[in-house]
């Protein structure tokens, strides 16, 4: 895999969308009127959104570890 130092506009936009969706899902998970199952589902979705937003950082850490 080649090493790139610049991200494309599409990659930056998708990162912001994933982070924004993660924040919205986390806000939903903090709603006390939701049931435990709904809060857990929203929380796992938020974690997935945050992981997707950090995909380039995770890939760089994984490549360094390997």
PDB file of N, CA and C in Angstrom:
ATOM      1  N   UNK A   1       0.845  -1.174   0.000  1.00  0.00           N
ATOM      2  CA  UNK A   1       0.000   0.000   0.000  1.00  0.00           C
ATOM      3  C   UNK A   1       0.894   1.242   0.000  1.00  0.00           C
ATOM      4  N   UNK A   2       0.554   2.209  -0.836  1.00  0.00           N
ATOM      5  CA  UNK A   2       1.338   3.433  -0.909  1.00  0.00           C
ATOM      6  C   UNK A   2       0.950   4.375   0.218  1.00  0.00           C
ATOM      7  N   UNK A   3       1.908   5.173   0.609  1.00  0.00           N
ATOM      8  CA  UNK A   3       1.665   6.117   1.701  1.00  0.00           C
ATOM      9  C   UNK A   3       1.325   7.478   1.100  1.00  0.00           C
ATOM     10  N   UNK A   4       0.168   8.020   1.493  1.00  0.00           N
ATOM     11  CA  UNK A   4      -0.252   9.329   1.029  1.00  0.00           C
ATOM     12  C   UNK A   4      -0.266  10.278   2.207  1.00  0.00           C
ATOM     13  N   UNK A   5       0.108  11.518   1.952  1.00  0.00           N
ATOM     14  CA  UNK A   5       0.106  12.496   3.036  1.00  0.00           C
ATOM     15  C   UNK A   5      -1.125  13.398   2.991  1.00  0.00           C
ATOM     16  N   UNK A   6      -1.805  13.478   1.839  1.00  0.00           N
ATOM     17  CA  UNK A   6      -2.966  14.347   1.722  1.00  0.00           C
ATOM     18  C   UNK A   6      -4.238  13.524   1.567  1.00  0.00           C
ATOM     19  N   UNK A   7      -5.294  14.003   2.153  1.00  0.00           N
ATOM     20  CA  UNK A   7      -6.605  13.365   2.045  1.00  0.00           C
ATOM     21  C   UNK A   7      -7.419  14.108   0.991  1.00  0.00           C
ATOM     22  N   UNK A   8      -8.260  13.370   0.279  1.00  0.00           N
ATOM     23  CA  UNK A   8      -9.109  14.009  -0.714  1.00  0.00           C
ATOM     24  C   UNK A   8     -10.264  14.727  -0.020  1.00  0.00           C
ATOM     25  N   UNK A   9     -10.918  15.578  -0.772  1.00  0.00           N
ATOM     26  CA  UNK A   9     -12.066  16.307  -0.233  1.00  0.00           C
ATOM     27  C   UNK A   9     -13.162  15.335   0.187  1.00  0.00           C
ATOM     28  N   UNK A  10     -13.391  14.299  -0.616  1.00  0.00           N
ATOM     29  CA  UNK A  10     -14.410  13.308  -0.276  1.00  0.00           C
ATOM     30  C   UNK A  10     -14.097  12.578   1.012  1.00  0.00           C
ATOM     31  N   UNK A  11     -12.826  12.280   1.239  1.00  0.00           N
ATOM     32  CA  UNK A  11     -12.435  11.610   2.490  1.00  0.00           C
ATOM     33  C   UNK A  11     -12.651  12.516   3.693  1.00  0.00           C
ATOM     34  N   UNK A  12     -12.357  13.793   3.542  1.00  0.00           N
ATOM     35  CA  UNK A  12     -12.577  14.727   4.654  1.00  0.00           C
ATOM     36  C   UNK A  12     -14.069  14.901   4.937  1.00  0.00           C
ATOM     37  N   UNK A  13     -14.868  14.976   3.876  1.00  0.00           N
ATOM     38  CA  UNK A  13     -16.308  15.132   4.068  1.00  0.00           C
ATOM     39  C   UNK A  13     -16.892  13.901   4.751  1.00  0.00           C
ATOM     40  N   UNK A  14     -16.508  12.711   4.293  1.00  0.00           N
ATOM     41  CA  UNK A  14     -17.060  11.500   4.897  1.00  0.00           C
ATOM     42  C   UNK A  14     -16.617  11.363   6.354  1.00  0.00           C
ATOM     43  N   UNK A  15     -15.407  11.793   6.669  1.00  0.00           N
ATOM     44  CA  UNK A  15     -14.951  11.761   8.055  1.00  0.00           C
ATOM     45  C   UNK A  15     -15.824  12.658   8.929  1.00  0.00           C
ATOM     46  N   UNK A  16     -16.133  13.854   8.430  1.00  0.00           N
ATOM     47  CA  UNK A  16     -16.983  14.769   9.199  1.00  0.00           C
ATOM     48  C   UNK A  16     -18.402  14.222   9.345  1.00  0.00           C
ATOM     49  N   UNK A  17     -18.917  13.587   8.305  1.00  0.00           N
ATOM     50  CA  UNK A  17     -20.269  13.010   8.372  1.00  0.00           C
ATOM     51  C   UNK A  17     -20.306  11.878   9.389  1.00  0.00           C
ATOM     52  N   UNK A  18     -19.294  10.993   9.369  1.00  0.00           N
ATOM     53  CA  UNK A  18     -19.238   9.901  10.339  1.00  0.00           C
ATOM     54  C   UNK A  18     -19.141  10.445  11.765  1.00  0.00           C
ATOM     55  N   UNK A  19     -18.309  11.456  11.975  1.00  0.00           N
ATOM     56  CA  UNK A  19     -18.163  12.033  13.317  1.00  0.00           C
ATOM     57  C   UNK A  19     -19.463  12.699  13.760  1.00  0.00           C
ATOM     58  N   UNK A  20     -20.110  13.422  12.850  1.00  0.00           N
ATOM     59  CA  UNK A  20     -21.381  14.065  13.189  1.00  0.00           C
ATOM     60  C   UNK A  20     -22.467  13.060  13.514  1.00  0.00           C
ATOM     61  N   UNK A  21     -22.526  11.988  12.738  1.00  0.00           N
ATOM     62  CA  UNK A  21     -23.515  10.944  13.016  1.00  0.00           C
ATOM     63  C   UNK A  21     -23.229  10.274  14.350  1.00  0.00           C
ATOM     64  N   UNK A  22     -21.961  10.052  14.654  1.00  0.00           N
ATOM     65  CA  UNK A  22     -21.595   9.473  15.949  1.00  0.00           C
ATOM     66  C   UNK A  22     -22.032  10.366  17.105  1.00  0.00           C
ATOM     67  N   UNK A  23     -21.847  11.678  16.925  1.00  0.00           N
ATOM     68  CA  UNK A  23     -22.274  12.614  17.979  1.00  0.00           C
ATOM     69  C   UNK A  23     -23.789  12.607  18.156  1.00  0.00           C
ATOM     70  N   UNK A  24     -24.524  12.602  17.050  1.00  0.00           N
ATOM     71  CA  UNK A  24     -25.983  12.581  17.148  1.00  0.00           C
ATOM     72  C   UNK A  24     -26.482  11.293  17.794  1.00  0.00           C
ATOM     73  N   UNK A  25     -25.881  10.172  17.408  1.00  0.00           N
ATOM     74  CA  UNK A  25     -26.288   8.906  18.018  1.00  0.00           C
ATOM     75  C   UNK A  25     -25.953   8.872  19.513  1.00  0.00           C
ATOM     76  N   UNK A  26     -24.814   9.445  19.883  1.00  0.00           N
ATOM     77  CA  UNK A  26     -24.438   9.474  21.298  1.00  0.00           C
ATOM     78  C   UNK A  26     -25.408  10.361  22.078  1.00  0.00           C
ATOM     79  N   UNK A  27     -25.812  11.477  21.491  1.00  0.00           N
ATOM     80  CA  UNK A  27     -26.808  12.323  22.162  1.00  0.00           C
ATOM     81  C   UNK A  27     -28.117  11.565  22.355  1.00  0.00           C
ATOM     82  N   UNK A  28     -28.510  10.795  21.358  1.00  0.00           N
ATOM     83  CA  UNK A  28     -29.716   9.980  21.488  1.00  0.00           C
ATOM     84  C   UNK A  28     -29.569   8.925  22.565  1.00  0.00           C
ATOM     85  N   UNK A  29     -28.368   8.362  22.684  1.00  0.00           N
ATOM     86  CA  UNK A  29     -28.129   7.324  23.695  1.00  0.00           C
ATOM     87  C   UNK A  29     -28.183   7.900  25.109  1.00  0.00           C
ATOM     88  N   UNK A  30     -27.968   9.189  25.246  1.00  0.00           N
ATOM     89  CA  UNK A  30     -27.996   9.820  26.571  1.00  0.00           C
ATOM     90  C   UNK A  30     -29.402  10.227  27.015  1.00  0.00           C
ATOM     91  N   UNK A  31     -30.388  10.005  26.167  1.00  0.00           N
ATOM     92  CA  UNK A  31     -31.772  10.360  26.482  1.00  0.00           C
ATOM     93  C   UNK A  31     -32.310   9.417  27.571  1.00  0.00           C
ATOM     94  N   UNK A  32     -32.691   9.956  28.734  1.00  0.00           N
ATOM     95  CA  UNK A  32     -33.147   9.079  29.824  1.00  0.00           C
ATOM     96  C   UNK A  32     -34.510   8.432  29.571  1.00  0.00           C
ATOM     97  N   UNK A  33     -35.263   8.912  28.584  1.00  0.00           N
ATOM     98  CA  UNK A  33     -36.577   8.336  28.312  1.00  0.00           C
ATOM     99  C   UNK A  33     -36.507   7.079  27.444  1.00  0.00           C
ATOM    100  N   UNK A  34     -35.334   6.781  26.908  1.00  0.00           N
ATOM    101  CA  UNK A  34     -35.155   5.584  26.069  1.00  0.00           C
ATOM    102  C   UNK A  34     -35.022   4.351  26.958  1.00  0.00           C
ATOM    103  N   UNK A  35     -35.384   3.213  26.397  1.00  0.00           N
ATOM    104  CA  UNK A  35     -35.182   1.960  27.134  1.00  0.00           C
ATOM    105  C   UNK A  35     -33.699   1.596  27.075  1.00  0.00           C
ATOM    106  N   UNK A  36     -33.317   0.663  27.914  1.00  0.00           N
ATOM    107  CA  UNK A  36     -31.908   0.254  27.956  1.00  0.00           C
ATOM    108  C   UNK A  36     -31.458  -0.299  26.610  1.00  0.00           C
ATOM    109  N   UNK A  37     -32.285  -1.100  25.974  1.00  0.00           N
ATOM    110  CA  UNK A  37     -31.933  -1.671  24.679  1.00  0.00           C
ATOM    111  C   UNK A  37     -31.729  -0.607  23.608  1.00  0.00           C
ATOM    112  N   UNK A  38     -32.608   0.385  23.595  1.00  0.00           N
ATOM    113  CA  UNK A  38     -32.472   1.478  22.630  1.00  0.00           C
ATOM    114  C   UNK A  38     -31.204   2.283  22.891  1.00  0.00           C
ATOM    115  N   UNK A  39     -30.923   2.530  24.153  1.00  0.00           N
ATOM    116  CA  UNK A  39     -29.721   3.285  24.498  1.00  0.00           C
ATOM    117  C   UNK A  39     -28.456   2.524  24.134  1.00  0.00           C
ATOM    118  N   UNK A  40     -28.458   1.209  24.351  1.00  0.00           N
ATOM    119  CA  UNK A  40     -27.293   0.403  23.978  1.00  0.00           C
ATOM    120  C   UNK A  40     -27.107   0.378  22.460  1.00  0.00           C
ATOM    121  N   UNK A  41     -28.204   0.234  21.722  1.00  0.00           N
ATOM    122  CA  UNK A  41     -28.114   0.207  20.266  1.00  0.00           C
ATOM    123  C   UNK A  41     -27.578   1.537  19.733  1.00  0.00           C
ATOM    124  N   UNK A  42     -28.073   2.641  20.264  1.00  0.00           N
ATOM    125  CA  UNK A  42     -27.580   3.949  19.844  1.00  0.00           C
ATOM    126  C   UNK A  42     -26.125   4.140  20.248  1.00  0.00           C
ATOM    127  N   UNK A  43     -25.757   3.660  21.419  1.00  0.00           N
ATOM    128  CA  UNK A  43     -24.371   3.774  21.867  1.00  0.00           C
ATOM    129  C   UNK A  43     -23.416   2.984  20.988  1.00  0.00           C
ATOM    130  N   UNK A  44     -23.804   1.768  20.610  1.00  0.00           N
ATOM    131  CA  UNK A  44     -22.954   0.975  19.710  1.00  0.00           C
ATOM    132  C   UNK A  44     -22.875   1.628  18.330  1.00  0.00           C
ATOM    133  N   UNK A  45     -23.968   2.197  17.875  1.00  0.00           N
ATOM    134  CA  UNK A  45     -23.945   2.920  16.610  1.00  0.00           C
ATOM    135  C   UNK A  45     -23.025   4.125  16.664  1.00  0.00           C
ATOM    136  N   UNK A  46     -23.042   4.823  17.801  1.00  0.00           N
ATOM    137  CA  UNK A  46     -22.153   5.977  17.981  1.00  0.00           C
ATOM    138  C   UNK A  46     -20.692   5.538  17.965  1.00  0.00           C
ATOM    139  N   UNK A  47     -20.388   4.434  18.631  1.00  0.00           N
ATOM    140  CA  UNK A  47     -19.015   3.931  18.614  1.00  0.00           C
ATOM    141  C   UNK A  47     -18.580   3.570  17.195  1.00  0.00           C
ATOM    142  N   UNK A  48     -19.492   2.985  16.432  1.00  0.00           N
ATOM    143  CA  UNK A  48     -19.181   2.673  15.039  1.00  0.00           C
ATOM    144  C   UNK A  48     -18.923   3.924  14.214  1.00  0.00           C
ATOM    145  N   UNK A  49     -19.712   4.955  14.447  1.00  0.00           N
ATOM    146  CA  UNK A  49     -19.505   6.222  13.740  1.00  0.00           C
ATOM    147  C   UNK A  49     -18.172   6.858  14.085  1.00  0.00           C
ATOM    148  N   UNK A  50     -17.815   6.819  15.364  1.00  0.00           N
ATOM    149  CA  UNK A  50     -16.526   7.378  15.780  1.00  0.00           C
ATOM    150  C   UNK A  50     -15.367   6.564  15.213  1.00  0.00           C
ATOM    151  N   UNK A  51     -15.524   5.242  15.182  1.00  0.00           N
ATOM    152  CA  UNK A  51     -14.484   4.386  14.607  1.00  0.00           C
ATOM    153  C   UNK A  51     -14.342   4.655  13.109  1.00  0.00           C
ATOM    154  N   UNK A  52     -15.465   4.861  12.418  1.00  0.00           N
ATOM    155  CA  UNK A  52     -15.410   5.163  10.990  1.00  0.00           C
ATOM    156  C   UNK A  52     -14.740   6.512  10.745  1.00  0.00           C
ATOM    157  N   UNK A  53     -15.006   7.480  11.612  1.00  0.00           N
ATOM    158  CA  UNK A  53     -14.371   8.790  11.478  1.00  0.00           C
ATOM    159  C   UNK A  53     -12.867   8.704  11.715  1.00  0.00           C
ATOM    160  N   UNK A  54     -12.446   7.785  12.551  1.00  0.00           N
ATOM    161  CA  UNK A  54     -11.023   7.631  12.883  1.00  0.00           C
ATOM    162  C   UNK A  54     -10.357   6.533  12.057  1.00  0.00           C
ATOM    163  N   UNK A  55     -10.965   6.162  10.932  1.00  0.00           N
ATOM    164  CA  UNK A  55     -10.455   5.018  10.173  1.00  0.00           C
ATOM    165  C   UNK A  55      -9.033   5.222   9.677  1.00  0.00           C
ATOM    166  N   UNK A  56      -8.646   6.441   9.309  1.00  0.00           N
ATOM    167  CA  UNK A  56      -7.285   6.672   8.827  1.00  0.00           C
ATOM    168  C   UNK A  56      -6.281   6.597   9.968  1.00  0.00           C
ATOM    169  N   UNK A  57      -6.662   7.111  11.128  1.00  0.00           N
ATOM    170  CA  UNK A  57      -5.796   6.997  12.302  1.00  0.00           C
ATOM    171  C   UNK A  57      -5.643   5.544  12.719  1.00  0.00           C
ATOM    172  N   UNK A  58      -6.737   4.804  12.711  1.00  0.00           N
ATOM    173  CA  UNK A  58      -6.689   3.384  13.071  1.00  0.00           C
ATOM    174  C   UNK A  58      -5.811   2.618  12.083  1.00  0.00           C
ATOM    175  N   UNK A  59      -5.943   2.920  10.779  1.00  0.00           N
ATOM    176  CA  UNK A  59      -5.130   2.243   9.764  1.00  0.00           C
ATOM    177  C   UNK A  59      -3.645   2.560   9.953  1.00  0.00           C
ATOM    178  N   UNK A  60      -3.330   3.811  10.290  1.00  0.00           N
ATOM    179  CA  UNK A  60      -1.927   4.178  10.502  1.00  0.00           C
ATOM    180  C   UNK A  60      -1.359   3.476  11.735  1.00  0.00           C
ATOM    181  N   UNK A  61      -2.151   3.402  12.802  1.00  0.00           N
ATOM    182  CA  UNK A  61      -1.684   2.713  14.007  1.00  0.00           C
ATOM    183  C   UNK A  61      -1.509   1.227  13.738  1.00  0.00           C
ATOM    184  N   UNK A  62      -2.432   0.650  12.967  1.00  0.00           N
ATOM    185  CA  UNK A  62      -2.347  -0.774  12.637  1.00  0.00           C
ATOM    186  C   UNK A  62      -1.094  -1.039  11.787  1.00  0.00           C
ATOM    187  N   UNK A  63      -0.827  -0.171  10.813  1.00  0.00           N
ATOM    188  CA  UNK A  63       0.352  -0.348   9.958  1.00  0.00           C
ATOM    189  C   UNK A  63       1.638  -0.205  10.761  1.00  0.00           C
ATOM    190  N   UNK A  64       1.659   0.705  11.716  1.00  0.00           N
ATOM    191  CA  UNK A  64       2.846   0.876  12.554  1.00  0.00           C
ATOM    192  C   UNK A  64       3.047  -0.330  13.456  1.00  0.00           C
ATOM    193  N   UNK A  65       1.949  -0.895  13.966  1.00  0.00           N
ATOM    194  CA  UNK A  65       2.052  -2.045  14.870  1.00  0.00           C
ATOM    195  C   UNK A  65       2.529  -3.288  14.126  1.00  0.00           C
ATOM    196  N   UNK A  66       2.055  -3.468  12.885  1.00  0.00           N
ATOM    197  CA  UNK A  66       2.452  -4.628  12.100  1.00  0.00           C
ATOM    198  C   UNK A  66       3.859  -4.461  11.685  1.00  0.00           C
TER     199      UNK A  66
END
